[in-house]
Amino acid sequence: QVQLVESGGGLVQPGGSLRLSCAASGTTFSMAWYRQAPGKQRELVAAITRGGSTNYADSVKGRLTISRNNAKNTVNLQMNSLKPEDTAVYYCNAAILVGGSYGNYWGQGTQVTVSS
C-alpha cells in the first residue's frame, strides 16, 4: 500500500521553529509540501526534485527550507521565523513509483498553528 506519513506539526509562538517530516513507502521523484489555511485554497509551499533542485513560494523564502533523503524516501521542511499567517494544515506530496510508473500521492496532513 502506497503511503505518505507526516509528522512534526504543532503549536508554536511567532518567531519560533518547527520541523515537518514525511516518509514515503516507495521510490519517489519530486516531493513537496503544500498548505491549506481555513477558507483558502491549497498552495505550494516548497518543492524539491530527486536531484535536489528546490522551489519556494515567495512568502516563505528565507524562512523555510526543504530537504530530502533519497535513500530513505523522506522529505523534511524546516520552518524558522514562523508567522501567524503560516498557520495551516500542511500536506506532503510526492510522485511515487508504483508498478513501473509514477503516481501522485498525498499525506493525511499535519496542523501547524502559529500563535501567542
N, C-alpha and C. Protein backbone atom coordinates (compact mmCIF):
# COMPACT_ATOMS: atom_id res chain seq x y z
N GLN A 1 0.84 -1.18 0.00
CA GLN A 1 0.00 0.00 0.00
C GLN A 1 0.89 1.25 0.00
N VAL A 2 0.60 2.16 -0.92
CA VAL A 2 1.39 3.38 -1.02
C VAL A 2 0.97 4.34 0.08
N GLN A 3 1.96 4.87 0.79
CA GLN A 3 1.66 5.77 1.89
C GLN A 3 2.65 6.92 1.95
N LEU A 4 2.15 8.07 2.44
CA LEU A 4 2.98 9.18 2.84
C LEU A 4 2.59 9.49 4.28
N VAL A 5 3.54 9.37 5.19
CA VAL A 5 3.25 9.57 6.61
C VAL A 5 3.98 10.80 7.10
N GLU A 6 3.21 11.75 7.60
CA GLU A 6 3.76 13.03 8.04
C GLU A 6 3.86 13.07 9.56
N SER A 7 4.77 13.92 10.04
CA SER A 7 4.89 14.15 11.47
C SER A 7 5.51 15.52 11.70
N GLY A 8 5.35 16.03 12.92
CA GLY A 8 6.08 17.24 13.30
C GLY A 8 5.26 18.50 13.45
N GLY A 9 3.99 18.47 13.19
CA GLY A 9 3.19 19.68 13.35
C GLY A 9 2.97 20.01 14.82
N GLY A 10 2.33 21.15 15.07
CA GLY A 10 2.03 21.53 16.44
C GLY A 10 1.78 23.02 16.58
N LEU A 11 1.81 23.45 17.84
CA LEU A 11 1.59 24.86 18.19
C LEU A 11 2.93 25.51 18.52
N VAL A 12 3.18 26.67 17.93
CA VAL A 12 4.43 27.38 18.18
C VAL A 12 4.14 28.88 18.23
N GLN A 13 4.94 29.59 19.00
CA GLN A 13 4.78 31.04 19.09
C GLN A 13 5.38 31.73 17.87
N PRO A 14 4.91 32.91 17.54
CA PRO A 14 5.52 33.66 16.44
C PRO A 14 7.02 33.82 16.65
N GLY A 15 7.75 33.62 15.56
CA GLY A 15 9.20 33.66 15.65
C GLY A 15 9.84 32.32 15.95
N GLY A 16 9.03 31.35 16.29
CA GLY A 16 9.54 30.03 16.64
C GLY A 16 9.81 29.15 15.43
N SER A 17 10.19 27.90 15.71
CA SER A 17 10.56 26.96 14.66
C SER A 17 9.83 25.63 14.82
N LEU A 18 9.62 24.97 13.70
CA LEU A 18 9.08 23.61 13.67
C LEU A 18 9.75 22.88 12.52
N ARG A 19 9.78 21.57 12.64
CA ARG A 19 10.33 20.75 11.56
C ARG A 19 9.31 19.68 11.21
N LEU A 20 8.87 19.68 9.97
CA LEU A 20 7.95 18.66 9.48
C LEU A 20 8.73 17.58 8.74
N SER A 21 8.27 16.35 8.90
CA SER A 21 8.89 15.22 8.21
C SER A 21 7.83 14.40 7.50
N CYS A 22 8.23 13.77 6.41
CA CYS A 22 7.31 12.93 5.64
C CYS A 22 8.09 11.75 5.10
N ALA A 23 7.55 10.56 5.30
CA ALA A 23 8.19 9.34 4.81
C ALA A 23 7.29 8.67 3.78
N ALA A 24 7.87 8.35 2.63
CA ALA A 24 7.12 7.68 1.57
C ALA A 24 7.41 6.18 1.60
N SER A 25 6.43 5.40 1.14
CA SER A 25 6.57 3.94 1.19
C SER A 25 7.26 3.37 -0.03
N GLY A 26 7.68 4.24 -0.96
CA GLY A 26 8.35 3.75 -2.15
C GLY A 26 9.30 4.79 -2.73
N THR A 27 9.89 4.45 -3.86
CA THR A 27 10.82 5.36 -4.53
C THR A 27 10.08 6.60 -5.02
N THR A 28 10.65 7.74 -4.72
CA THR A 28 9.99 8.99 -5.07
C THR A 28 10.77 9.76 -6.12
N PHE A 29 10.06 10.58 -6.89
CA PHE A 29 10.70 11.51 -7.81
C PHE A 29 10.63 12.90 -7.18
N SER A 30 9.69 13.70 -7.57
CA SER A 30 9.54 15.00 -6.92
C SER A 30 8.82 14.84 -5.58
N MET A 31 9.16 15.71 -4.63
CA MET A 31 8.48 15.75 -3.34
C MET A 31 8.22 17.21 -3.00
N ALA A 32 7.15 17.45 -2.26
CA ALA A 32 6.78 18.83 -2.00
C ALA A 32 5.94 18.93 -0.73
N TRP A 33 5.83 20.14 -0.23
CA TRP A 33 4.92 20.47 0.85
C TRP A 33 3.93 21.52 0.35
N TYR A 34 2.66 21.29 0.62
CA TYR A 34 1.61 22.25 0.36
C TYR A 34 0.96 22.61 1.70
N ARG A 35 0.19 23.68 1.69
CA ARG A 35 -0.57 24.02 2.89
C ARG A 35 -1.92 24.59 2.51
N GLN A 36 -2.85 24.45 3.44
CA GLN A 36 -4.19 24.98 3.23
C GLN A 36 -4.69 25.61 4.52
N ALA A 37 -4.91 26.90 4.48
CA ALA A 37 -5.45 27.63 5.62
C ALA A 37 -6.98 27.64 5.51
N PRO A 38 -7.67 27.84 6.62
CA PRO A 38 -9.14 27.86 6.59
C PRO A 38 -9.67 28.89 5.60
N GLY A 39 -10.58 28.44 4.74
CA GLY A 39 -11.19 29.35 3.78
C GLY A 39 -10.33 29.69 2.58
N LYS A 40 -9.16 29.06 2.47
CA LYS A 40 -8.25 29.35 1.36
C LYS A 40 -7.96 28.09 0.56
N GLN A 41 -7.47 28.30 -0.65
CA GLN A 41 -7.09 27.18 -1.49
C GLN A 41 -5.75 26.59 -1.04
N ARG A 42 -5.56 25.33 -1.34
CA ARG A 42 -4.27 24.70 -1.06
C ARG A 42 -3.20 25.35 -1.95
N GLU A 43 -2.04 25.63 -1.36
CA GLU A 43 -0.98 26.29 -2.10
C GLU A 43 0.35 25.57 -1.91
N LEU A 44 1.20 25.67 -2.93
CA LEU A 44 2.53 25.08 -2.85
C LEU A 44 3.39 25.92 -1.91
N VAL A 45 4.06 25.25 -0.99
CA VAL A 45 4.99 25.91 -0.08
C VAL A 45 6.42 25.75 -0.60
N ALA A 46 6.81 24.51 -0.87
CA ALA A 46 8.17 24.24 -1.33
C ALA A 46 8.18 22.88 -2.03
N ALA A 47 9.07 22.76 -3.00
CA ALA A 47 9.21 21.51 -3.74
C ALA A 47 10.67 21.21 -3.96
N ILE A 48 10.99 19.92 -4.12
CA ILE A 48 12.38 19.52 -4.34
C ILE A 48 12.39 18.31 -5.27
N THR A 49 13.27 18.35 -6.25
CA THR A 49 13.41 17.23 -7.17
C THR A 49 14.36 16.19 -6.58
N ARG A 50 14.41 15.05 -7.23
CA ARG A 50 15.31 14.00 -6.76
C ARG A 50 16.77 14.47 -6.82
N GLY A 51 17.06 15.35 -7.75
CA GLY A 51 18.42 15.87 -7.87
C GLY A 51 18.73 17.01 -6.91
N GLY A 52 17.72 17.46 -6.16
CA GLY A 52 17.96 18.48 -5.15
C GLY A 52 17.59 19.90 -5.54
N SER A 53 17.05 20.10 -6.74
CA SER A 53 16.61 21.45 -7.12
C SER A 53 15.36 21.81 -6.33
N THR A 54 15.32 23.05 -5.84
CA THR A 54 14.22 23.48 -4.97
C THR A 54 13.45 24.65 -5.56
N ASN A 55 12.23 24.78 -5.09
CA ASN A 55 11.36 25.88 -5.49
C ASN A 55 10.53 26.26 -4.27
N TYR A 56 10.42 27.57 -3.99
CA TYR A 56 9.70 28.04 -2.81
C TYR A 56 8.65 29.08 -3.17
N ALA A 57 7.58 29.11 -2.41
CA ALA A 57 6.64 30.21 -2.50
C ALA A 57 7.34 31.48 -2.01
N ASP A 58 7.02 32.61 -2.62
CA ASP A 58 7.68 33.86 -2.24
C ASP A 58 7.49 34.17 -0.76
N SER A 59 6.36 33.80 -0.21
CA SER A 59 6.03 34.14 1.17
C SER A 59 6.88 33.40 2.20
N VAL A 60 7.58 32.35 1.78
CA VAL A 60 8.35 31.55 2.74
C VAL A 60 9.85 31.58 2.47
N LYS A 61 10.26 32.22 1.38
CA LYS A 61 11.68 32.25 1.03
C LYS A 61 12.50 32.88 2.16
N GLY A 62 13.59 32.20 2.50
CA GLY A 62 14.46 32.69 3.56
C GLY A 62 14.07 32.24 4.96
N ARG A 63 12.89 31.64 5.09
CA ARG A 63 12.43 31.19 6.41
C ARG A 63 12.23 29.67 6.46
N LEU A 64 11.78 29.09 5.37
CA LEU A 64 11.52 27.66 5.31
C LEU A 64 12.53 27.00 4.37
N THR A 65 12.96 25.80 4.74
CA THR A 65 13.94 25.06 3.95
C THR A 65 13.47 23.63 3.75
N ILE A 66 13.40 23.21 2.49
CA ILE A 66 13.01 21.84 2.18
C ILE A 66 14.27 21.02 1.91
N SER A 67 14.27 19.77 2.37
CA SER A 67 15.39 18.88 2.12
C SER A 67 14.85 17.46 1.98
N ARG A 68 15.65 16.58 1.42
CA ARG A 68 15.19 15.20 1.25
C ARG A 68 16.35 14.23 1.39
N ASN A 69 15.99 12.98 1.67
CA ASN A 69 16.94 11.88 1.73
C ASN A 69 16.44 10.83 0.75
N ASN A 70 17.11 10.70 -0.37
CA ASN A 70 16.65 9.78 -1.41
C ASN A 70 16.73 8.31 -0.97
N ALA A 71 17.73 7.99 -0.18
CA ALA A 71 17.89 6.61 0.28
C ALA A 71 16.74 6.18 1.20
N LYS A 72 16.23 7.14 1.97
CA LYS A 72 15.15 6.84 2.92
C LYS A 72 13.78 7.25 2.39
N ASN A 73 13.74 7.90 1.23
CA ASN A 73 12.47 8.38 0.67
C ASN A 73 11.74 9.30 1.65
N THR A 74 12.48 10.23 2.21
CA THR A 74 11.89 11.16 3.15
C THR A 74 12.11 12.60 2.67
N VAL A 75 11.23 13.48 3.12
CA VAL A 75 11.36 14.91 2.85
C VAL A 75 11.05 15.65 4.13
N ASN A 76 11.81 16.69 4.39
CA ASN A 76 11.63 17.50 5.58
C ASN A 76 11.37 18.95 5.21
N LEU A 77 10.72 19.65 6.12
CA LEU A 77 10.52 21.08 5.95
C LEU A 77 10.90 21.75 7.27
N GLN A 78 12.03 22.43 7.26
CA GLN A 78 12.47 23.17 8.43
C GLN A 78 11.85 24.56 8.35
N MET A 79 11.08 24.91 9.36
CA MET A 79 10.36 26.18 9.36
C MET A 79 10.88 27.06 10.49
N ASN A 80 11.48 28.17 10.13
CA ASN A 80 12.01 29.12 11.10
C ASN A 80 11.29 30.46 10.96
N SER A 81 11.42 31.29 11.99
CA SER A 81 10.81 32.63 11.99
C SER A 81 9.34 32.56 11.58
N LEU A 82 8.62 31.65 12.20
CA LEU A 82 7.23 31.41 11.82
C LEU A 82 6.34 32.61 12.17
N LYS A 83 5.35 32.82 11.31
CA LYS A 83 4.41 33.92 11.46
C LYS A 83 2.99 33.37 11.62
N PRO A 84 2.09 34.13 12.20
CA PRO A 84 0.71 33.67 12.32
C PRO A 84 0.10 33.28 10.97
N GLU A 85 0.50 33.94 9.92
CA GLU A 85 -0.05 33.62 8.59
C GLU A 85 0.48 32.29 8.03
N ASP A 86 1.42 31.67 8.72
CA ASP A 86 1.87 30.33 8.34
C ASP A 86 0.94 29.25 8.89
N THR A 87 -0.02 29.64 9.71
CA THR A 87 -0.96 28.68 10.27
C THR A 87 -1.78 28.02 9.18
N ALA A 88 -1.75 26.69 9.15
CA ALA A 88 -2.44 25.93 8.10
C ALA A 88 -2.27 24.44 8.36
N VAL A 89 -2.98 23.65 7.60
CA VAL A 89 -2.70 22.22 7.54
C VAL A 89 -1.67 22.03 6.43
N TYR A 90 -0.59 21.37 6.76
CA TYR A 90 0.49 21.14 5.81
C TYR A 90 0.41 19.71 5.29
N TYR A 91 0.50 19.58 3.97
CA TYR A 91 0.38 18.28 3.31
C TYR A 91 1.66 17.95 2.56
N CYS A 92 2.10 16.72 2.74
CA CYS A 92 3.21 16.20 1.96
C CYS A 92 2.66 15.67 0.64
N ASN A 93 3.40 15.89 -0.43
CA ASN A 93 3.01 15.42 -1.75
C ASN A 93 4.21 14.81 -2.42
N ALA A 94 4.01 13.69 -3.11
CA ALA A 94 5.14 13.06 -3.77
C ALA A 94 4.69 12.25 -4.98
N ALA A 95 5.59 12.18 -5.94
CA ALA A 95 5.42 11.26 -7.06
C ALA A 95 6.14 9.97 -6.68
N ILE A 96 5.38 8.89 -6.54
CA ILE A 96 5.91 7.63 -6.05
C ILE A 96 5.83 6.57 -7.14
N LEU A 97 6.92 5.83 -7.29
CA LEU A 97 6.99 4.79 -8.31
C LEU A 97 6.17 3.57 -7.87
N VAL A 98 5.15 3.27 -8.66
CA VAL A 98 4.28 2.13 -8.37
C VAL A 98 4.02 1.39 -9.67
N GLY A 99 4.38 0.12 -9.70
CA GLY A 99 4.09 -0.70 -10.88
C GLY A 99 4.72 -0.18 -12.15
N GLY A 100 5.89 0.46 -12.05
CA GLY A 100 6.59 0.92 -13.24
C GLY A 100 6.29 2.32 -13.67
N SER A 101 5.38 3.01 -13.00
CA SER A 101 5.10 4.41 -13.35
C SER A 101 4.91 5.22 -12.08
N TYR A 102 5.07 6.53 -12.21
CA TYR A 102 4.94 7.41 -11.05
C TYR A 102 3.51 7.90 -10.91
N GLY A 103 2.99 7.77 -9.70
CA GLY A 103 1.67 8.32 -9.39
C GLY A 103 1.80 9.43 -8.37
N ASN A 104 0.81 10.32 -8.33
CA ASN A 104 0.82 11.46 -7.42
C ASN A 104 0.06 11.11 -6.14
N TYR A 105 0.71 11.29 -4.99
CA TYR A 105 0.11 10.89 -3.71
C TYR A 105 0.21 12.03 -2.69
N TRP A 106 -0.75 11.99 -1.74
CA TRP A 106 -0.82 13.00 -0.70
C TRP A 106 -0.78 12.35 0.68
N GLY A 107 -0.17 13.06 1.63
CA GLY A 107 -0.24 12.64 3.01
C GLY A 107 -1.56 13.08 3.64
N GLN A 108 -1.73 12.72 4.91
CA GLN A 108 -3.00 12.99 5.58
C GLN A 108 -3.09 14.42 6.10
N GLY A 109 -1.98 15.12 6.14
CA GLY A 109 -1.95 16.49 6.63
C GLY A 109 -1.57 16.58 8.09
N THR A 110 -0.86 17.64 8.43
CA THR A 110 -0.48 17.89 9.82
C THR A 110 -0.70 19.38 10.12
N GLN A 111 -1.32 19.65 11.26
CA GLN A 111 -1.69 21.03 11.61
C GLN A 111 -0.48 21.78 12.17
N VAL A 112 -0.27 22.98 11.64
CA VAL A 112 0.71 23.91 12.18
C VAL A 112 -0.04 25.17 12.60
N THR A 113 0.09 25.52 13.87
CA THR A 113 -0.56 26.71 14.39
C THR A 113 0.49 27.63 14.99
N VAL A 114 0.52 28.87 14.50
CA VAL A 114 1.47 29.87 14.99
C VAL A 114 0.67 30.93 15.73
N SER A 115 0.81 30.94 17.03
CA SER A 115 0.00 31.83 17.85
C SER A 115 0.66 32.07 19.19
N SER A 116 0.46 33.26 19.72
CA SER A 116 0.97 33.57 21.06
C SER A 116 -0.09 33.27 22.11
